Protein backbone atom coordinates (compact mmCIF):
# COMPACT_ATOMS: atom_id res chain seq x y z
CA MET A 1 45.30 -29.22 86.78
CA THR A 2 45.78 -27.75 83.40
CA ILE A 3 43.02 -26.67 81.15
CA PRO A 4 43.77 -26.87 77.35
CA PRO A 5 43.84 -23.34 75.85
CA VAL A 6 40.93 -24.10 73.58
CA LEU A 7 38.70 -24.52 76.63
CA SER A 8 40.24 -21.75 78.73
CA ARG A 9 38.09 -18.98 77.95
CA LEU A 10 34.40 -20.15 78.36
CA ARG A 11 31.72 -18.01 79.95
CA LEU A 12 30.83 -21.05 82.03
CA PRO A 13 32.65 -24.30 82.63
CA VAL A 14 30.03 -26.05 80.62
CA ILE A 15 30.18 -28.50 77.63
CA GLY A 16 26.93 -29.15 75.93
CA SER A 17 26.79 -33.03 75.40
CA PRO A 18 26.10 -34.42 71.94
CA LEU A 19 22.52 -35.62 71.74
CA PHE A 20 21.56 -38.14 69.31
CA ILE A 21 19.29 -36.74 66.64
CA ILE A 22 18.66 -33.53 68.61
CA SER A 23 22.05 -31.88 68.31
CA ASN A 24 22.13 -29.94 65.07
CA PRO A 25 23.94 -26.88 63.72
CA ASP A 26 21.32 -24.44 65.12
CA LEU A 27 21.66 -25.73 68.70
CA VAL A 28 25.56 -26.05 68.43
CA ILE A 29 25.91 -22.41 67.15
CA ALA A 30 23.45 -21.06 69.76
CA GLN A 31 25.45 -22.80 72.58
CA CYS A 32 28.71 -21.61 71.26
CA LYS A 33 27.51 -17.98 70.77
CA ALA A 34 26.17 -18.21 74.35
CA GLY A 35 29.76 -19.02 75.58
CA VAL A 36 29.50 -22.72 76.19
CA VAL A 37 30.87 -25.55 74.19
CA GLY A 38 28.29 -26.93 71.62
CA SER A 39 28.61 -30.38 70.30
CA PHE A 40 26.84 -32.88 68.04
CA PRO A 41 27.30 -36.53 67.03
CA ALA A 42 28.91 -36.98 63.64
CA LEU A 43 26.25 -39.61 62.94
CA ASN A 44 23.50 -36.89 63.46
CA ALA A 45 24.64 -35.49 59.90
CA ARG A 46 22.97 -37.90 57.45
CA GLU A 47 22.52 -37.98 53.65
CA LYS A 48 20.79 -40.28 51.19
CA GLU A 49 22.93 -42.27 48.85
CA GLY A 50 24.15 -39.99 45.96
CA GLU A 51 23.59 -36.73 47.90
CA PRO A 52 26.41 -34.32 49.14
CA ILE A 53 27.98 -35.29 52.43
CA GLU A 54 25.97 -33.68 55.11
CA LEU A 55 28.67 -33.57 57.73
CA GLU A 56 30.78 -31.38 55.22
CA ARG A 57 27.80 -28.96 55.11
CA TRP A 58 27.22 -28.83 58.87
CA LEU A 59 30.91 -28.28 59.59
CA THR A 60 31.18 -25.60 56.91
CA ARG A 61 28.22 -23.69 58.25
CA ILE A 62 29.18 -23.96 61.92
CA THR A 63 32.63 -22.80 61.32
CA GLU A 64 31.67 -19.96 59.09
CA GLU A 65 28.99 -18.72 61.36
CA LEU A 66 31.09 -18.72 64.39
CA ASP A 67 33.84 -16.95 62.49
CA ARG A 68 31.56 -14.20 61.48
CA HIS A 69 30.29 -14.02 65.06
CA ASN A 70 33.90 -13.56 66.42
CA GLN A 71 34.85 -10.98 63.89
CA ALA A 72 31.71 -8.87 64.94
CA ASN A 73 32.15 -9.60 68.72
CA PRO A 74 36.08 -9.64 69.25
CA ASP A 75 35.35 -9.02 73.07
CA GLN A 76 32.92 -11.79 73.43
CA PRO A 77 34.00 -14.66 71.14
CA ALA A 78 32.12 -17.90 70.72
CA ALA A 79 33.16 -20.92 72.57
CA PRO A 80 34.63 -23.69 70.55
CA PHE A 81 32.40 -26.63 69.13
CA ALA A 82 33.01 -30.26 69.52
CA VAL A 83 32.08 -33.36 67.30
CA ASN A 84 31.32 -36.80 68.80
CA GLN A 85 32.69 -39.86 67.23
CA ILE A 86 31.01 -43.18 68.03
CA VAL A 87 34.07 -45.49 68.00
CA HIS A 88 32.30 -48.63 67.72
CA ARG A 89 32.80 -51.50 65.13
CA SER A 90 29.31 -51.11 63.88
CA ASN A 91 29.89 -47.37 62.93
CA ALA A 92 30.86 -47.96 59.21
CA ARG A 93 31.16 -44.21 58.81
CA LEU A 94 33.97 -43.67 61.24
CA GLU A 95 36.94 -43.50 58.97
CA ARG A 96 35.13 -41.25 56.67
CA ASP A 97 33.92 -38.90 59.35
CA VAL A 98 37.29 -38.68 60.97
CA GLU A 99 38.81 -37.62 57.76
CA ILE A 100 36.22 -34.92 57.27
CA CYS A 101 36.79 -33.64 60.93
CA VAL A 102 40.61 -33.52 60.02
CA LYS A 103 39.75 -31.60 57.01
CA HIS A 104 37.71 -28.98 58.90
CA LYS A 105 40.18 -28.89 61.99
CA VAL A 106 37.69 -29.53 64.54
CA PRO A 107 38.89 -28.12 67.82
CA VAL A 108 37.36 -30.61 70.21
CA TRP A 109 36.72 -34.27 69.64
CA ILE A 110 34.44 -36.29 71.84
CA THR A 111 34.76 -40.10 71.48
CA SER A 112 32.41 -42.74 72.83
CA LEU A 113 32.01 -46.45 73.04
CA GLY A 114 35.64 -47.27 72.29
CA ALA A 115 38.99 -45.67 72.58
CA GLN A 116 41.13 -45.78 69.65
CA GLU A 117 44.77 -44.46 69.24
CA TRP A 118 44.39 -43.56 65.58
CA VAL A 119 41.37 -41.32 66.29
CA ASN A 120 43.30 -39.46 68.95
CA GLU A 121 46.22 -39.06 66.51
CA ALA A 122 43.90 -37.75 63.86
CA ALA A 123 42.61 -35.00 66.21
CA HIS A 124 46.03 -34.10 67.25
CA SER A 125 47.26 -33.84 63.75
CA VAL A 126 45.28 -30.57 63.37
CA GLY A 127 45.70 -29.25 66.78
CA GLY A 128 42.50 -30.67 68.23
CA ILE A 129 42.02 -32.32 71.79
CA THR A 130 40.06 -35.49 72.40
CA LEU A 131 37.77 -36.15 75.40
CA HIS A 132 36.66 -39.67 75.88
CA ASP A 133 33.51 -40.54 77.92
CA VAL A 134 33.73 -43.19 80.45
CA ILE A 135 31.55 -44.86 83.08
CA ASN A 136 34.25 -46.08 85.34
CA ASN A 137 37.80 -45.79 86.44
CA ARG A 138 39.09 -48.89 84.40
CA PHE A 139 37.79 -47.34 81.12
CA ALA A 140 39.15 -44.07 82.10
CA ARG A 141 42.71 -45.44 82.41
CA LYS A 142 42.46 -47.20 79.10
CA ALA A 143 41.29 -44.07 77.48
CA ILE A 144 44.31 -42.11 78.55
CA GLU A 145 46.71 -44.91 77.95
CA LYS A 146 45.48 -44.80 74.22
CA GLY A 147 45.97 -41.06 73.95
CA ALA A 148 42.87 -39.30 74.85
CA ASP A 149 43.64 -35.81 76.34
CA GLY A 150 40.81 -35.65 78.77
CA LEU A 151 37.89 -37.54 80.13
CA ILE A 152 34.04 -37.28 80.55
CA ALA A 153 32.85 -39.08 83.55
CA VAL A 154 29.44 -40.32 82.81
CA ALA A 155 27.86 -40.94 86.27
CA ALA A 156 24.57 -42.00 87.61
CA GLY A 157 21.64 -39.84 86.45
CA ALA A 158 23.13 -38.79 83.23
CA GLY A 159 20.80 -38.80 80.12
CA GLY A 160 21.17 -41.28 77.41
CA HIS A 161 23.92 -44.00 78.04
CA ALA A 162 24.95 -43.56 81.49
CA GLY A 163 26.95 -45.25 84.20
CA ALA A 164 25.66 -46.44 87.54
CA LEU A 165 28.43 -44.95 89.91
CA SER A 166 27.96 -41.90 92.05
CA PRO A 167 29.55 -38.75 90.59
CA MET A 168 31.35 -38.23 93.92
CA ALA A 169 32.90 -41.63 93.77
CA LEU A 170 33.76 -41.60 89.99
CA VAL A 171 35.49 -38.34 90.15
CA GLN A 172 37.31 -39.09 93.33
CA GLU A 173 38.81 -42.24 91.81
CA ILE A 174 39.83 -40.55 88.50
CA ARG A 175 41.42 -37.69 90.28
CA GLU A 176 43.59 -39.97 92.34
CA TRP A 177 45.82 -40.46 89.18
CA PHE A 178 44.67 -38.10 86.50
CA ASP A 179 45.13 -34.42 86.62
CA GLY A 180 44.08 -33.46 83.10
CA PRO A 181 40.72 -32.00 81.79
CA LEU A 182 37.82 -33.72 83.42
CA ALA A 183 34.12 -33.15 82.66
CA LEU A 184 31.30 -34.58 84.77
CA SER A 185 27.99 -35.74 83.36
CA GLY A 186 24.96 -36.69 85.62
CA ALA A 187 21.97 -34.67 86.49
CA ILE A 188 23.43 -31.31 85.98
CA ALA A 189 20.79 -28.73 84.95
CA THR A 190 21.54 -25.88 87.30
CA GLY A 191 24.32 -23.42 88.16
CA ASP A 192 24.56 -24.87 91.55
CA SER A 193 25.22 -28.34 90.29
CA ILE A 194 27.95 -26.86 87.77
CA LEU A 195 29.73 -25.35 90.95
CA ALA A 196 29.23 -28.71 92.59
CA ALA A 197 31.01 -30.60 89.86
CA GLN A 198 34.03 -28.30 90.19
CA ALA A 199 33.98 -28.73 93.95
CA MET A 200 34.17 -32.55 93.47
CA GLY A 201 37.21 -32.01 91.31
CA ALA A 202 35.84 -31.77 87.76
CA ASP A 203 36.69 -28.90 85.48
CA PHE A 204 33.54 -28.86 83.48
CA ALA A 205 29.94 -29.78 83.70
CA TYR A 206 28.74 -31.90 80.83
CA ILE A 207 24.94 -30.85 80.25
CA GLY A 208 22.61 -32.46 77.82
CA SER A 209 18.98 -32.93 78.96
CA ALA A 210 18.35 -29.33 79.81
CA PHE A 211 19.39 -28.51 76.16
CA ILE A 212 16.52 -30.72 74.83
CA ALA A 213 13.92 -28.18 76.04
CA THR A 214 15.39 -25.37 73.86
CA GLU A 215 13.89 -23.73 70.76
CA GLU A 216 16.93 -24.76 68.74
CA ALA A 217 16.98 -28.54 69.61
CA ASN A 218 15.89 -30.91 66.83
CA ALA A 219 13.20 -32.52 69.14
CA VAL A 220 9.55 -32.65 68.57
CA ALA A 221 7.38 -30.52 70.67
CA GLY A 222 6.11 -33.23 72.76
CA TYR A 223 9.48 -34.44 73.73
CA LYS A 224 10.58 -30.99 74.73
CA GLN A 225 7.34 -30.46 76.94
CA MET A 226 7.78 -33.81 78.54
CA ILE A 227 11.24 -32.74 79.64
CA ALA A 228 9.74 -29.61 81.17
CA ASP A 229 6.92 -31.45 82.88
CA SER A 230 9.05 -34.20 84.28
CA GLY A 231 11.38 -34.83 87.29
CA ALA A 232 13.83 -37.42 88.56
CA SER A 233 11.11 -39.88 89.43
CA ASP A 234 10.09 -40.00 85.77
CA ILE A 235 13.41 -41.45 84.64
CA VAL A 236 13.98 -45.18 84.13
CA TYR A 237 17.39 -46.97 83.77
CA SER A 238 17.22 -49.67 81.00
CA ASN A 239 19.52 -51.36 78.35
CA LEU A 240 16.51 -52.72 76.28
CA PHE A 241 16.44 -50.00 73.69
CA THR A 242 20.20 -49.92 72.57
CA GLY A 243 22.02 -52.89 74.38
CA VAL A 244 23.68 -50.19 76.53
CA TRP A 245 22.36 -49.10 79.97
CA GLY A 246 20.79 -45.59 79.79
CA ASN A 247 18.21 -43.20 81.25
CA TYR A 248 14.81 -42.81 79.50
CA LEU A 249 11.49 -40.87 80.22
CA LYS A 250 8.96 -43.21 81.70
CA PRO A 251 5.91 -41.56 80.04
CA SER A 252 7.46 -41.96 76.67
CA ILE A 253 7.96 -45.76 77.39
CA ALA A 254 4.35 -46.04 78.70
CA ALA A 255 3.03 -44.23 75.64
CA ALA A 256 4.75 -47.00 73.51
CA GLY A 257 2.74 -49.58 75.24
CA MET A 258 5.26 -51.03 77.61
CA ASP A 259 5.36 -50.97 81.42
CA PRO A 260 8.58 -48.88 82.41
CA ASP A 261 8.87 -50.60 85.67
CA ASN A 262 9.07 -54.04 84.12
CA LEU A 263 11.37 -53.78 81.14
CA GLU A 264 13.27 -56.72 79.66
CA ARG A 265 16.94 -56.63 79.46
CA SER A 266 18.84 -56.66 76.30
CA ALA A 267 22.40 -57.85 75.49
CA PRO A 268 25.36 -55.71 74.50
CA SER A 269 25.65 -57.73 71.19
CA THR A 270 22.43 -55.85 70.17
CA MET A 271 24.29 -52.49 69.99
CA ASP A 272 24.34 -51.27 66.44
CA PHE A 273 25.24 -47.77 65.13
CA GLY A 274 25.22 -48.81 61.44
CA PRO A 275 23.01 -47.25 58.85
CA ASN A 276 20.70 -50.29 58.47
CA ARG A 277 19.94 -50.70 62.14
CA GLN A 278 16.26 -51.43 62.81
CA LYS A 279 14.20 -50.65 65.95
CA PRO A 280 10.53 -51.68 66.54
CA LYS A 281 8.20 -48.90 65.44
CA SER A 282 6.79 -48.78 68.99
CA TRP A 283 10.36 -47.60 70.13
CA LYS A 284 10.32 -44.64 67.72
CA GLU A 285 9.34 -42.03 70.37
CA ILE A 286 11.04 -43.54 73.47
CA TRP A 287 12.91 -40.49 74.64
CA GLY A 288 16.28 -40.32 76.66
CA SER A 289 16.68 -37.98 79.61
CA GLY A 290 18.84 -37.41 82.70
CA GLN A 291 17.61 -37.09 86.31
CA GLY A 292 18.18 -33.42 86.58
CA ILE A 293 15.25 -32.20 84.55
CA GLY A 294 13.30 -31.15 87.55
CA ALA A 295 15.08 -27.78 87.14
CA VAL A 296 13.72 -27.49 83.57
CA LYS A 297 10.27 -25.75 83.73
CA GLU A 298 9.89 -24.27 80.31
CA VAL A 299 11.01 -24.42 76.60
CA VAL A 300 13.42 -21.57 76.08
CA PRO A 301 16.13 -20.43 73.52
CA ALA A 302 19.53 -21.92 74.34
CA ALA A 303 20.95 -18.62 75.17
CA VAL A 304 18.18 -18.01 77.82
CA LEU A 305 19.09 -21.36 79.46
CA VAL A 306 22.75 -20.40 79.51
CA ASP A 307 21.84 -16.99 81.10
CA ARG A 308 19.92 -18.85 83.89
CA LEU A 309 22.79 -21.19 84.39
CA GLU A 310 25.17 -18.36 84.81
CA ARG A 311 22.95 -16.44 87.30
CA GLU A 312 22.59 -19.60 89.27
CA TYR A 313 26.37 -20.39 89.17
CA ARG A 314 27.35 -17.00 90.34
CA ALA A 315 24.68 -16.95 93.09
CA ALA A 316 25.61 -20.36 94.37
CA ARG A 317 29.36 -19.36 94.42
CA ASP A 318 28.65 -16.29 96.27
CA ARG A 319 26.52 -18.16 98.77
CA LEU A 320 29.16 -20.70 99.40
CA PHE A 321 31.97 -18.14 99.97
CA ARG A 322 29.74 -16.45 102.50
CA ALA A 323 29.04 -19.70 104.19
CA VAL A 324 32.60 -20.81 104.13
CA PRO A 325 34.96 -17.83 104.56
CA ALA A 326 38.42 -18.23 103.25
């Protein structure tokens, strides 16, 4: 298995997943300085009509701040950052946002909800790599056929839009034919689970929910605290809220006046990432989360979270080597 040079010198084999609304420049910069890939959805950078393009400002700030960090810390350079593009027909901004990412030579592109050759070609034109997130082996093959460099296996237990397959089954099937970069998403919030992802055959752990409960994350205090107070049994899997199956915090659903154990189903045709999409007001504070949050006990700076993950990862590796000698 070959790791692309841009991802070969991480402090930990971790990619911070792009969190809708929550991932912002503060969080991305903190993740990268801590030595793991930070990412954000391009659609998080929003501006009102007539205002300067926010995505331009975000990319300029991230690039300049990480460059300053690298100049001041040549022995501990920041990890690269990634931008997530929603490749869905309802995303009217896609072409514009791709052009901006090309202009700023974004090093890592994460694509979701559709694989498009022209997006991969745009990334490659400036030396970037693309990682496409998938929920099954069929979508994985299609993504590679259309030019993606790597895959993100979104397995059962992942936060936000998630698949229903066991991570062991999904990684196993992908690795039967694909030896390129592979990240695994699904209930990963400890150093032990990062090592487990590698043991299964993934190169990287894809971690999102744990980063919600960080000081830099653009989430309200109640959301962060709910992450810290909840566990796997507090997660419900539903497609009601976006038309795509995903995991959400039961207490937030109950607070919106709904029964989290008896939710209606929605249709994929309701999926909409356009600027005029409307959601019921009662859904405003329904919060996504993965099943791994039982490991999250408090709200901390992102760097402190990465420190914990590294300690646990090294301890788990040492424990495993002692238990299973070479």
